[in-house]
Amino acid sequence: MDTPNEPPRHGGEPVGTAAIKWGAVVIIVVAVLWFLARYVIPLFG
């Protein structure tokens, strides 16, 4: 049970931790897509 002074937790982890985790996932996915578009796809063209 959450105490009045504690922010609500989703899935047992603080909201800030989840935001950092998903932000890192998004950055990694964008970097991989950029690498594919810049170096791999032109090889097939």
Protein backbone atom coordinates (compact mmCIF):
# COMPACT_ATOMS: atom_id res chain seq x y z
CA MET A 1 0.00 0.00 0.00
CA ASP A 2 1.36 3.39 -0.98
CA THR A 3 2.01 5.91 1.74
CA PRO A 4 0.62 9.42 1.18
CA ASN A 5 4.10 10.88 0.61
CA GLU A 6 5.20 8.20 -1.87
CA PRO A 7 4.46 8.55 -5.60
CA PRO A 8 2.36 5.76 -7.08
CA ARG A 9 4.37 2.92 -8.54
CA HIS A 10 3.49 1.07 -11.72
CA GLY A 11 4.77 -2.47 -12.03
CA GLY A 12 6.91 -2.12 -8.91
CA GLU A 13 9.28 0.51 -10.33
CA PRO A 14 9.22 4.31 -10.14
CA VAL A 15 7.88 6.20 -13.12
CA GLY A 16 11.24 7.91 -13.71
CA THR A 17 13.03 4.58 -13.99
CA ALA A 18 10.54 3.33 -16.56
CA ALA A 19 10.86 6.55 -18.55
CA ILE A 20 14.66 6.29 -18.65
CA LYS A 21 14.48 2.62 -19.65
CA TRP A 22 12.03 3.19 -22.49
CA GLY A 23 13.89 6.31 -23.61
CA ALA A 24 17.06 4.23 -23.94
CA VAL A 25 15.18 1.55 -25.90
CA VAL A 26 13.84 4.18 -28.31
CA ILE A 27 17.32 5.68 -28.82
CA ILE A 28 18.83 2.25 -29.53
CA VAL A 29 16.08 1.36 -32.03
CA VAL A 30 16.50 4.69 -33.84
CA ALA A 31 20.27 4.19 -33.99
CA VAL A 32 19.88 0.71 -35.48
CA LEU A 33 17.39 1.94 -38.07
CA TRP A 34 19.69 4.83 -38.99
CA PHE A 35 22.63 2.44 -39.40
CA LEU A 36 20.58 0.16 -41.66
CA ALA A 37 19.34 3.08 -43.77
CA ARG A 38 22.80 4.66 -44.07
CA TYR A 39 25.05 1.65 -44.66
CA VAL A 40 23.15 -1.60 -45.28
CA ILE A 41 20.29 -0.64 -47.61
CA PRO A 42 22.57 1.13 -50.18
CA LEU A 43 24.47 -2.16 -50.60
CA PHE A 44 21.37 -3.68 -52.22
CA GLY A 45 20.77 -0.69 -54.50
